[in-house]
């Protein structure tokens, strides 16, 4: 995936998770600067495991599948967003991942 494609996929995931979020959590996240961090996962299975862990912890999470109009095959899983939520809550799910 090229840098522009990656940026678009991250934006799609971020918005999808945001739309699932509790308004109070969103307000707190915005007051804190609306932090976004992009991390790397090894594979699609890991993304779905992280999504399940996040949702089990009560965190909003969204997986993005590409429409396949440009660089990727239709349905390719490209990104997962978790939050908005507090740093500690997100770190409990993603703390073992490295920065992208």
PDB file of N, CA and C in Angstrom:
ATOM      1  N   UNK A   1       0.844  -1.166   0.000  1.00  0.00           N
ATOM      2  CA  UNK A   1       0.000   0.000   0.000  1.00  0.00           C
ATOM      3  C   UNK A   1       0.894   1.235   0.000  1.00  0.00           C
ATOM      4  N   UNK A   2       0.605   2.176  -0.867  1.00  0.00           N
ATOM      5  CA  UNK A   2       1.345   3.425  -0.878  1.00  0.00           C
ATOM      6  C   UNK A   2       0.986   4.293   0.311  1.00  0.00           C
ATOM      7  N   UNK A   3       1.784   5.321   0.542  1.00  0.00           N
ATOM      8  CA  UNK A   3       1.578   6.200   1.697  1.00  0.00           C
ATOM      9  C   UNK A   3       0.218   6.887   1.660  1.00  0.00           C
ATOM     10  N   UNK A   4      -0.201   7.349   0.494  1.00  0.00           N
ATOM     11  CA  UNK A   4      -1.500   8.003   0.383  1.00  0.00           C
ATOM     12  C   UNK A   4      -2.641   7.040   0.657  1.00  0.00           C
ATOM     13  N   UNK A   5      -2.520   5.824   0.132  1.00  0.00           N
ATOM     14  CA  UNK A   5      -3.542   4.797   0.358  1.00  0.00           C
ATOM     15  C   UNK A   5      -3.611   4.463   1.842  1.00  0.00           C
ATOM     16  N   UNK A   6      -2.450   4.323   2.481  1.00  0.00           N
ATOM     17  CA  UNK A   6      -2.415   4.041   3.912  1.00  0.00           C
ATOM     18  C   UNK A   6      -3.104   5.145   4.699  1.00  0.00           C
ATOM     19  N   UNK A   7      -2.803   6.388   4.345  1.00  0.00           N
ATOM     20  CA  UNK A   7      -3.422   7.520   5.038  1.00  0.00           C
ATOM     21  C   UNK A   7      -4.939   7.478   4.901  1.00  0.00           C
ATOM     22  N   UNK A   8      -5.434   7.168   3.713  1.00  0.00           N
ATOM     23  CA  UNK A   8      -6.882   7.103   3.493  1.00  0.00           C
ATOM     24  C   UNK A   8      -7.513   5.977   4.306  1.00  0.00           C
ATOM     25  N   UNK A   9      -6.848   4.829   4.371  1.00  0.00           N
ATOM     26  CA  UNK A   9      -7.400   3.698   5.112  1.00  0.00           C
ATOM     27  C   UNK A   9      -7.444   3.989   6.609  1.00  0.00           C
ATOM     28  N   UNK A  10      -6.404   4.627   7.117  1.00  0.00           N
ATOM     29  CA  UNK A  10      -6.381   5.014   8.526  1.00  0.00           C
ATOM     30  C   UNK A  10      -7.511   6.010   8.809  1.00  0.00           C
ATOM     31  N   UNK A  11      -7.728   6.949   7.897  1.00  0.00           N
ATOM     32  CA  UNK A  11      -8.812   7.918   8.076  1.00  0.00           C
ATOM     33  C   UNK A  11     -10.166   7.219   8.080  1.00  0.00           C
ATOM     34  N   UNK A  12     -10.366   6.276   7.167  1.00  0.00           N
ATOM     35  CA  UNK A  12     -11.629   5.522   7.138  1.00  0.00           C
ATOM     36  C   UNK A  12     -11.861   4.809   8.476  1.00  0.00           C
ATOM     37  N   UNK A  13     -10.829   4.139   8.966  1.00  0.00           N
ATOM     38  CA  UNK A  13     -10.959   3.393  10.220  1.00  0.00           C
ATOM     39  C   UNK A  13     -11.227   4.334  11.387  1.00  0.00           C
ATOM     40  N   UNK A  14     -10.504   5.428  11.430  1.00  0.00           N
ATOM     41  CA  UNK A  14     -10.665   6.389  12.513  1.00  0.00           C
ATOM     42  C   UNK A  14     -12.093   6.929  12.570  1.00  0.00           C
ATOM     43  N   UNK A  15     -12.607   7.314  11.422  1.00  0.00           N
ATOM     44  CA  UNK A  15     -13.983   7.836  11.378  1.00  0.00           C
ATOM     45  C   UNK A  15     -15.008   6.772  11.759  1.00  0.00           C
ATOM     46  N   UNK A  16     -14.796   5.548  11.321  1.00  0.00           N
ATOM     47  CA  UNK A  16     -15.743   4.475  11.639  1.00  0.00           C
ATOM     48  C   UNK A  16     -15.779   4.206  13.140  1.00  0.00           C
ATOM     49  N   UNK A  17     -14.627   4.198  13.792  1.00  0.00           N
ATOM     50  CA  UNK A  17     -14.595   3.991  15.241  1.00  0.00           C
ATOM     51  C   UNK A  17     -15.189   5.195  15.969  1.00  0.00           C
ATOM     52  N   UNK A  18     -14.881   6.388  15.492  1.00  0.00           N
ATOM     53  CA  UNK A  18     -15.422   7.622  16.067  1.00  0.00           C
ATOM     54  C   UNK A  18     -16.949   7.597  16.063  1.00  0.00           C
ATOM     55  N   UNK A  19     -17.525   7.141  14.960  1.00  0.00           N
ATOM     56  CA  UNK A  19     -18.988   7.097  14.840  1.00  0.00           C
ATOM     57  C   UNK A  19     -19.632   6.135  15.831  1.00  0.00           C
ATOM     58  N   UNK A  20     -18.874   5.154  16.325  1.00  0.00           N
ATOM     59  CA  UNK A  20     -19.380   4.176  17.295  1.00  0.00           C
ATOM     60  C   UNK A  20     -19.178   4.638  18.737  1.00  0.00           C
ATOM     61  N   UNK A  21     -18.535   5.773  18.921  1.00  0.00           N
ATOM     62  CA  UNK A  21     -18.067   6.188  20.237  1.00  0.00           C
ATOM     63  C   UNK A  21     -19.119   6.893  21.071  1.00  0.00           C
ATOM     64  N   UNK A  22     -18.974   6.741  22.363  1.00  0.00           N
ATOM     65  CA  UNK A  22     -19.791   7.432  23.347  1.00  0.00           C
ATOM     66  C   UNK A  22     -19.451   8.924  23.312  1.00  0.00           C
ATOM     67  N   UNK A  23     -20.459   9.800  23.258  1.00  0.00           N
ATOM     68  CA  UNK A  23     -20.187  11.243  23.186  1.00  0.00           C
ATOM     69  C   UNK A  23     -19.308  11.781  24.322  1.00  0.00           C
ATOM     70  N   UNK A  24     -19.444  11.229  25.529  1.00  0.00           N
ATOM     71  CA  UNK A  24     -18.602  11.683  26.639  1.00  0.00           C
ATOM     72  C   UNK A  24     -17.141  11.313  26.403  1.00  0.00           C
ATOM     73  N   UNK A  25     -16.906  10.103  25.868  1.00  0.00           N
ATOM     74  CA  UNK A  25     -15.533   9.679  25.558  1.00  0.00           C
ATOM     75  C   UNK A  25     -14.943  10.542  24.452  1.00  0.00           C
ATOM     76  N   UNK A  26     -15.763  10.888  23.470  1.00  0.00           N
ATOM     77  CA  UNK A  26     -15.305  11.757  22.378  1.00  0.00           C
ATOM     78  C   UNK A  26     -14.921  13.125  22.920  1.00  0.00           C
ATOM     79  N   UNK A  27     -15.759  13.690  23.785  1.00  0.00           N
ATOM     80  CA  UNK A  27     -15.481  15.010  24.341  1.00  0.00           C
ATOM     81  C   UNK A  27     -14.178  15.005  25.139  1.00  0.00           C
ATOM     82  N   UNK A  28     -13.966  13.965  25.932  1.00  0.00           N
ATOM     83  CA  UNK A  28     -12.731  13.867  26.719  1.00  0.00           C
ATOM     84  C   UNK A  28     -11.523  13.721  25.788  1.00  0.00           C
ATOM     85  N   UNK A  29     -11.653  12.914  24.765  1.00  0.00           N
ATOM     86  CA  UNK A  29     -10.579  12.706  23.786  1.00  0.00           C
ATOM     87  C   UNK A  29     -10.244  14.027  23.073  1.00  0.00           C
ATOM     88  N   UNK A  30     -11.268  14.777  22.709  1.00  0.00           N
ATOM     89  CA  UNK A  30     -11.045  16.055  22.038  1.00  0.00           C
ATOM     90  C   UNK A  30     -10.361  17.056  22.967  1.00  0.00           C
ATOM     91  N   UNK A  31     -10.780  17.089  24.237  1.00  0.00           N
ATOM     92  CA  UNK A  31     -10.140  17.992  25.206  1.00  0.00           C
ATOM     93  C   UNK A  31      -8.659  17.663  25.371  1.00  0.00           C
ATOM     94  N   UNK A  32      -8.324  16.397  25.181  1.00  0.00           N
ATOM     95  CA  UNK A  32      -6.933  15.958  25.303  1.00  0.00           C
ATOM     96  C   UNK A  32      -6.129  16.113  24.024  1.00  0.00           C
ATOM     97  N   UNK A  33      -6.700  16.736  23.017  1.00  0.00           N
ATOM     98  CA  UNK A  33      -5.972  16.977  21.776  1.00  0.00           C
ATOM     99  C   UNK A  33      -6.309  16.036  20.644  1.00  0.00           C
ATOM    100  N   UNK A  34      -7.174  15.050  20.881  1.00  0.00           N
ATOM    101  CA  UNK A  34      -7.586  14.137  19.807  1.00  0.00           C
ATOM    102  C   UNK A  34      -6.443  13.278  19.284  1.00  0.00           C
ATOM    103  N   UNK A  35      -5.633  12.754  20.188  1.00  0.00           N
ATOM    104  CA  UNK A  35      -4.451  11.975  19.814  1.00  0.00           C
ATOM    105  C   UNK A  35      -4.802  10.798  18.912  1.00  0.00           C
ATOM    106  N   UNK A  36      -3.976  10.622  17.881  1.00  0.00           N
ATOM    107  CA  UNK A  36      -4.076   9.471  16.988  1.00  0.00           C
ATOM    108  C   UNK A  36      -2.677   8.900  16.820  1.00  0.00           C
ATOM    109  N   UNK A  37      -2.537   7.598  16.959  1.00  0.00           N
ATOM    110  CA  UNK A  37      -1.247   6.929  16.813  1.00  0.00           C
ATOM    111  C   UNK A  37      -1.436   5.776  15.838  1.00  0.00           C
ATOM    112  N   UNK A  38      -0.528   5.660  14.885  1.00  0.00           N
ATOM    113  CA  UNK A  38      -0.603   4.583  13.891  1.00  0.00           C
ATOM    114  C   UNK A  38       0.430   3.532  14.257  1.00  0.00           C
ATOM    115  N   UNK A  39      -0.059   2.313  14.440  1.00  0.00           N
ATOM    116  CA  UNK A  39       0.785   1.189  14.842  1.00  0.00           C
ATOM    117  C   UNK A  39       0.758   0.115  13.762  1.00  0.00           C
ATOM    118  N   UNK A  40       1.688  -0.797  13.837  1.00  0.00           N
ATOM    119  CA  UNK A  40       1.800  -1.874  12.852  1.00  0.00           C
ATOM    120  C   UNK A  40       1.417  -3.206  13.499  1.00  0.00           C
ATOM    121  N   UNK A  41       0.588  -3.971  12.795  1.00  0.00           N
ATOM    122  CA  UNK A  41       0.264  -5.335  13.208  1.00  0.00           C
ATOM    123  C   UNK A  41       0.791  -6.288  12.145  1.00  0.00           C
ATOM    124  N   UNK A  42       1.079  -7.507  12.543  1.00  0.00           N
ATOM    125  CA  UNK A  42       1.709  -8.463  11.632  1.00  0.00           C
ATOM    126  C   UNK A  42       0.787  -9.004  10.553  1.00  0.00           C
ATOM    127  N   UNK A  43      -0.498  -9.134  10.869  1.00  0.00           N
ATOM    128  CA  UNK A  43      -1.373  -9.788   9.898  1.00  0.00           C
ATOM    129  C   UNK A  43      -2.846  -9.493  10.205  1.00  0.00           C
ATOM    130  N   UNK A  44      -3.698  -9.937   9.306  1.00  0.00           N
ATOM    131  CA  UNK A  44      -5.138  -9.706   9.437  1.00  0.00           C
ATOM    132  C   UNK A  44      -5.698 -10.360  10.695  1.00  0.00           C
ATOM    133  N   UNK A  45      -5.236 -11.549  11.003  1.00  0.00           N
ATOM    134  CA  UNK A  45      -5.721 -12.254  12.193  1.00  0.00           C
ATOM    135  C   UNK A  45      -5.490 -11.410  13.448  1.00  0.00           C
ATOM    136  N   UNK A  46      -4.316 -10.799  13.534  1.00  0.00           N
ATOM    137  CA  UNK A  46      -3.991  -9.948  14.678  1.00  0.00           C
ATOM    138  C   UNK A  46      -4.968  -8.776  14.781  1.00  0.00           C
ATOM    139  N   UNK A  47      -5.301  -8.166  13.646  1.00  0.00           N
ATOM    140  CA  UNK A  47      -6.250  -7.044  13.666  1.00  0.00           C
ATOM    141  C   UNK A  47      -7.591  -7.474  14.249  1.00  0.00           C
ATOM    142  N   UNK A  48      -8.087  -8.627  13.825  1.00  0.00           N
ATOM    143  CA  UNK A  48      -9.375  -9.092  14.331  1.00  0.00           C
ATOM    144  C   UNK A  48      -9.305  -9.485  15.805  1.00  0.00           C
ATOM    145  N   UNK A  49      -8.175 -10.047  16.236  1.00  0.00           N
ATOM    146  CA  UNK A  49      -8.006 -10.357  17.662  1.00  0.00           C
ATOM    147  C   UNK A  49      -7.977  -9.079  18.497  1.00  0.00           C
ATOM    148  N   UNK A  50      -7.281  -8.057  18.005  1.00  0.00           N
ATOM    149  CA  UNK A  50      -7.233  -6.776  18.700  1.00  0.00           C
ATOM    150  C   UNK A  50      -8.612  -6.130  18.755  1.00  0.00           C
ATOM    151  N   UNK A  51      -9.345  -6.212  17.659  1.00  0.00           N
ATOM    152  CA  UNK A  51     -10.708  -5.668  17.624  1.00  0.00           C
ATOM    153  C   UNK A  51     -11.575  -6.345  18.683  1.00  0.00           C
ATOM    154  N   UNK A  52     -11.501  -7.654  18.754  1.00  0.00           N
ATOM    155  CA  UNK A  52     -12.301  -8.401  19.736  1.00  0.00           C
ATOM    156  C   UNK A  52     -11.896  -8.025  21.166  1.00  0.00           C
ATOM    157  N   UNK A  53     -10.606  -7.911  21.409  1.00  0.00           N
ATOM    158  CA  UNK A  53     -10.123  -7.524  22.732  1.00  0.00           C
ATOM    159  C   UNK A  53     -10.613  -6.126  23.098  1.00  0.00           C
ATOM    160  N   UNK A  54     -10.521  -5.204  22.148  1.00  0.00           N
ATOM    161  CA  UNK A  54     -10.972  -3.824  22.389  1.00  0.00           C
ATOM    162  C   UNK A  54     -12.464  -3.788  22.703  1.00  0.00           C
ATOM    163  N   UNK A  55     -13.246  -4.455  21.892  1.00  0.00           N
ATOM    164  CA  UNK A  55     -14.697  -4.450  22.101  1.00  0.00           C
ATOM    165  C   UNK A  55     -15.076  -5.128  23.412  1.00  0.00           C
ATOM    166  N   UNK A  56     -14.347  -6.179  23.785  1.00  0.00           N
ATOM    167  CA  UNK A  56     -14.601  -6.846  25.071  1.00  0.00           C
ATOM    168  C   UNK A  56     -14.324  -5.913  26.239  1.00  0.00           C
ATOM    169  N   UNK A  57     -13.391  -4.972  26.023  1.00  0.00           N
ATOM    170  CA  UNK A  57     -13.062  -3.982  27.057  1.00  0.00           C
ATOM    171  C   UNK A  57     -13.973  -2.763  26.988  1.00  0.00           C
ATOM    172  N   UNK A  58     -14.953  -2.793  26.099  1.00  0.00           N
ATOM    173  CA  UNK A  58     -15.891  -1.677  25.981  1.00  0.00           C
ATOM    174  C   UNK A  58     -15.393  -0.520  25.129  1.00  0.00           C
ATOM    175  N   UNK A  59     -14.358  -0.754  24.341  1.00  0.00           N
ATOM    176  CA  UNK A  59     -13.807   0.302  23.482  1.00  0.00           C
ATOM    177  C   UNK A  59     -14.401   0.220  22.084  1.00  0.00           C
ATOM    178  N   UNK A  60     -14.658   1.365  21.462  1.00  0.00           N
ATOM    179  CA  UNK A  60     -15.107   1.336  20.076  1.00  0.00           C
ATOM    180  C   UNK A  60     -13.962   0.860  19.184  1.00  0.00           C
ATOM    181  N   UNK A  61     -14.290   0.044  18.193  1.00  0.00           N
ATOM    182  CA  UNK A  61     -13.272  -0.467  17.275  1.00  0.00           C
ATOM    183  C   UNK A  61     -13.912  -0.692  15.919  1.00  0.00           C
ATOM    184  N   UNK A  62     -13.127  -0.477  14.867  1.00  0.00           N
ATOM    185  CA  UNK A  62     -13.638  -0.650  13.511  1.00  0.00           C
ATOM    186  C   UNK A  62     -12.538  -1.163  12.590  1.00  0.00           C
ATOM    187  N   UNK A  63     -12.856  -2.205  11.849  1.00  0.00           N
ATOM    188  CA  UNK A  63     -11.963  -2.757  10.832  1.00  0.00           C
ATOM    189  C   UNK A  63     -12.414  -2.234   9.480  1.00  0.00           C
ATOM    190  N   UNK A  64     -11.452  -1.901   8.631  1.00  0.00           N
ATOM    191  CA  UNK A  64     -11.751  -1.409   7.293  1.00  0.00           C
ATOM    192  C   UNK A  64     -11.362  -2.469   6.273  1.00  0.00           C
ATOM    193  N   UNK A  65     -12.263  -2.695   5.332  1.00  0.00           N
ATOM    194  CA  UNK A  65     -11.989  -3.549   4.166  1.00  0.00           C
ATOM    195  C   UNK A  65     -12.027  -2.646   2.946  1.00  0.00           C
ATOM    196  N   UNK A  66     -11.006  -2.746   2.115  1.00  0.00           N
ATOM    197  CA  UNK A  66     -10.892  -1.882   0.951  1.00  0.00           C
ATOM    198  C   UNK A  66     -11.936  -2.239  -0.109  1.00  0.00           C
ATOM    199  N   UNK A  67     -12.411  -1.228  -0.812  1.00  0.00           N
ATOM    200  CA  UNK A  67     -13.402  -1.433  -1.883  1.00  0.00           C
ATOM    201  C   UNK A  67     -12.772  -2.004  -3.145  1.00  0.00           C
ATOM    202  N   UNK A  68     -11.457  -1.913  -3.264  1.00  0.00           N
ATOM    203  CA  UNK A  68     -10.783  -2.514  -4.406  1.00  0.00           C
ATOM    204  C   UNK A  68     -10.760  -1.671  -5.663  1.00  0.00           C
ATOM    205  N   UNK A  69     -10.920  -0.364  -5.529  1.00  0.00           N
ATOM    206  CA  UNK A  69     -10.945   0.495  -6.712  1.00  0.00           C
ATOM    207  C   UNK A  69      -9.561   0.883  -7.210  1.00  0.00           C
ATOM    208  N   UNK A  70      -8.534   0.740  -6.378  1.00  0.00           N
ATOM    209  CA  UNK A  70      -7.212   1.215  -6.794  1.00  0.00           C
ATOM    210  C   UNK A  70      -6.145   0.139  -6.626  1.00  0.00           C
ATOM    211  N   UNK A  71      -5.469   0.107  -5.502  1.00  0.00           N
ATOM    212  CA  UNK A  71      -4.277  -0.718  -5.329  1.00  0.00           C
ATOM    213  C   UNK A  71      -4.521  -2.128  -4.805  1.00  0.00           C
ATOM    214  N   UNK A  72      -5.656  -2.360  -4.180  1.00  0.00           N
ATOM    215  CA  UNK A  72      -5.882  -3.617  -3.472  1.00  0.00           C
ATOM    216  C   UNK A  72      -7.088  -4.366  -4.024  1.00  0.00           C
ATOM    217  N   UNK A  73      -7.108  -5.657  -3.751  1.00  0.00           N
ATOM    218  CA  UNK A  73      -8.261  -6.473  -4.123  1.00  0.00           C
ATOM    219  C   UNK A  73      -9.456  -6.106  -3.243  1.00  0.00           C
ATOM    220  N   UNK A  74     -10.670  -6.165  -3.791  1.00  0.00           N
ATOM    221  CA  UNK A  74     -11.855  -5.878  -2.980  1.00  0.00           C
ATOM    222  C   UNK A  74     -11.905  -6.763  -1.736  1.00  0.00           C
ATOM    223  N   UNK A  75     -12.225  -6.147  -0.610  1.00  0.00           N
ATOM    224  CA  UNK A  75     -12.349  -6.883   0.645  1.00  0.00           C
ATOM    225  C   UNK A  75     -11.070  -7.024   1.437  1.00  0.00           C
ATOM    226  N   UNK A  76      -9.952  -6.522   0.916  1.00  0.00           N
ATOM    227  CA  UNK A  76      -8.685  -6.599   1.647  1.00  0.00           C
ATOM    228  C   UNK A  76      -8.788  -5.802   2.947  1.00  0.00           C
ATOM    229  N   UNK A  77      -8.464  -6.437   4.050  1.00  0.00           N
ATOM    230  CA  UNK A  77      -8.463  -5.751   5.348  1.00  0.00           C
ATOM    231  C   UNK A  77      -7.225  -4.863   5.409  1.00  0.00           C
ATOM    232  N   UNK A  78      -7.452  -3.585   5.691  1.00  0.00           N
ATOM    233  CA  UNK A  78      -6.351  -2.621   5.638  1.00  0.00           C
ATOM    234  C   UNK A  78      -6.040  -1.931   6.958  1.00  0.00           C
ATOM    235  N   UNK A  79      -7.017  -1.776   7.826  1.00  0.00           N
ATOM    236  CA  UNK A  79      -6.769  -0.985   9.034  1.00  0.00           C
ATOM    237  C   UNK A  79      -7.774  -1.334  10.126  1.00  0.00           C
ATOM    238  N   UNK A  80      -7.364  -1.067  11.355  1.00  0.00           N
ATOM    239  CA  UNK A  80      -8.213  -1.175  12.538  1.00  0.00           C
ATOM    240  C   UNK A  80      -8.036   0.096  13.335  1.00  0.00           C
ATOM    241  N   UNK A  81      -9.122   0.686  13.772  1.00  0.00           N
ATOM    242  CA  UNK A  81      -9.063   1.826  14.688  1.00  0.00           C
ATOM    243  C   UNK A  81      -9.683   1.416  16.014  1.00  0.00           C
ATOM    244  N   UNK A  82      -9.077   1.874  17.089  1.00  0.00           N
ATOM    245  CA  UNK A  82      -9.589   1.637  18.440  1.00  0.00           C
ATOM    246  C   UNK A  82      -9.678   2.986  19.131  1.00  0.00           C
ATOM    247  N   UNK A  83     -10.832   3.272  19.702  1.00  0.00           N
ATOM    248  CA  UNK A  83     -11.032   4.538  20.391  1.00  0.00           C
ATOM    249  C   UNK A  83     -11.938   5.437  19.593  1.00  0.00           C
ATOM    250  N   UNK A  84     -12.152   6.623  20.053  1.00  0.00           N
ATOM    251  CA  UNK A  84     -11.480   7.346  21.113  1.00  0.00           C
ATOM    252  C   UNK A  84     -11.711   6.723  22.496  1.00  0.00           C
ATOM    253  N   UNK A  85     -10.628   6.746  23.262  1.00  0.00           N
ATOM    254  CA  UNK A  85     -10.654   6.258  24.638  1.00  0.00           C
ATOM    255  C   UNK A  85      -9.399   6.763  25.327  1.00  0.00           C
ATOM    256  N   UNK A  86      -9.358   6.566  26.608  1.00  0.00           N
ATOM    257  CA  UNK A  86      -8.188   6.986  27.369  1.00  0.00           C
ATOM    258  C   UNK A  86      -6.935   6.220  26.968  1.00  0.00           C
ATOM    259  N   UNK A  87      -5.791   6.858  27.158  1.00  0.00           N
ATOM    260  CA  UNK A  87      -4.515   6.243  26.793  1.00  0.00           C
ATOM    261  C   UNK A  87      -4.337   4.864  27.422  1.00  0.00           C
ATOM    262  N   UNK A  88      -4.617   4.757  28.707  1.00  0.00           N
ATOM    263  CA  UNK A  88      -4.402   3.495  29.408  1.00  0.00           C
ATOM    264  C   UNK A  88      -5.278   2.381  28.842  1.00  0.00           C
ATOM    265  N   UNK A  89      -6.515   2.719  28.507  1.00  0.00           N
ATOM    266  CA  UNK A  89      -7.432   1.713  27.973  1.00  0.00           C
ATOM    267  C   UNK A  89      -6.965   1.209  26.600  1.00  0.00           C
ATOM    268  N   UNK A  90      -6.531   2.129  25.751  1.00  0.00           N
ATOM    269  CA  UNK A  90      -6.059   1.732  24.416  1.00  0.00           C
ATOM    270  C   UNK A  90      -4.731   0.986  24.534  1.00  0.00           C
ATOM    271  N   UNK A  91      -3.831   1.496  25.375  1.00  0.00           N
ATOM    272  CA  UNK A  91      -2.535   0.846  25.555  1.00  0.00           C
ATOM    273  C   UNK A  91      -2.670  -0.583  26.070  1.00  0.00           C
ATOM    274  N   UNK A  92      -3.701  -0.856  26.873  1.00  0.00           N
ATOM    275  CA  UNK A  92      -3.924  -2.207  27.373  1.00  0.00           C
ATOM    276  C   UNK A  92      -4.187  -3.172  26.223  1.00  0.00           C
ATOM    277  N   UNK A  93      -4.713  -2.677  25.127  1.00  0.00           N
ATOM    278  CA  UNK A  93      -5.011  -3.514  23.957  1.00  0.00           C
ATOM    279  C   UNK A  93      -3.842  -3.513  22.970  1.00  0.00           C
ATOM    280  N   UNK A  94      -3.234  -2.363  22.755  1.00  0.00           N
ATOM    281  CA  UNK A  94      -2.260  -2.205  21.663  1.00  0.00           C
ATOM    282  C   UNK A  94      -0.813  -2.051  22.121  1.00  0.00           C
ATOM    283  N   UNK A  95      -0.562  -2.127  23.418  1.00  0.00           N
ATOM    284  CA  UNK A  95       0.748  -1.810  23.970  1.00  0.00           C
ATOM    285  C   UNK A  95       1.910  -2.630  23.433  1.00  0.00           C
ATOM    286  N   UNK A  96       1.659  -3.802  22.860  1.00  0.00           N
ATOM    287  CA  UNK A  96       2.734  -4.638  22.337  1.00  0.00           C
ATOM    288  C   UNK A  96       3.068  -4.355  20.883  1.00  0.00           C
ATOM    289  N   UNK A  97       2.304  -3.454  20.242  1.00  0.00           N
ATOM    290  CA  UNK A  97       2.540  -3.139  18.830  1.00  0.00           C
ATOM    291  C   UNK A  97       3.604  -2.067  18.684  1.00  0.00           C
ATOM    292  N   UNK A  98       4.283  -2.067  17.537  1.00  0.00           N
ATOM    293  CA  UNK A  98       5.286  -1.035  17.286  1.00  0.00           C
ATOM    294  C   UNK A  98       4.704   0.078  16.428  1.00  0.00           C
ATOM    295  N   UNK A  99       5.323   1.243  16.499  1.00  0.00           N
ATOM    296  CA  UNK A  99       4.892   2.373  15.686  1.00  0.00           C
ATOM    297  C   UNK A  99       5.076   2.043  14.208  1.00  0.00           C
ATOM    298  N   UNK A 100       4.198   2.597  13.379  1.00  0.00           N
ATOM    299  CA  UNK A 100       4.300   2.368  11.941  1.00  0.00           C
ATOM    300  C   UNK A 100       5.387   3.236  11.366  1.00  0.00           C
TER     301      UNK A 100
END
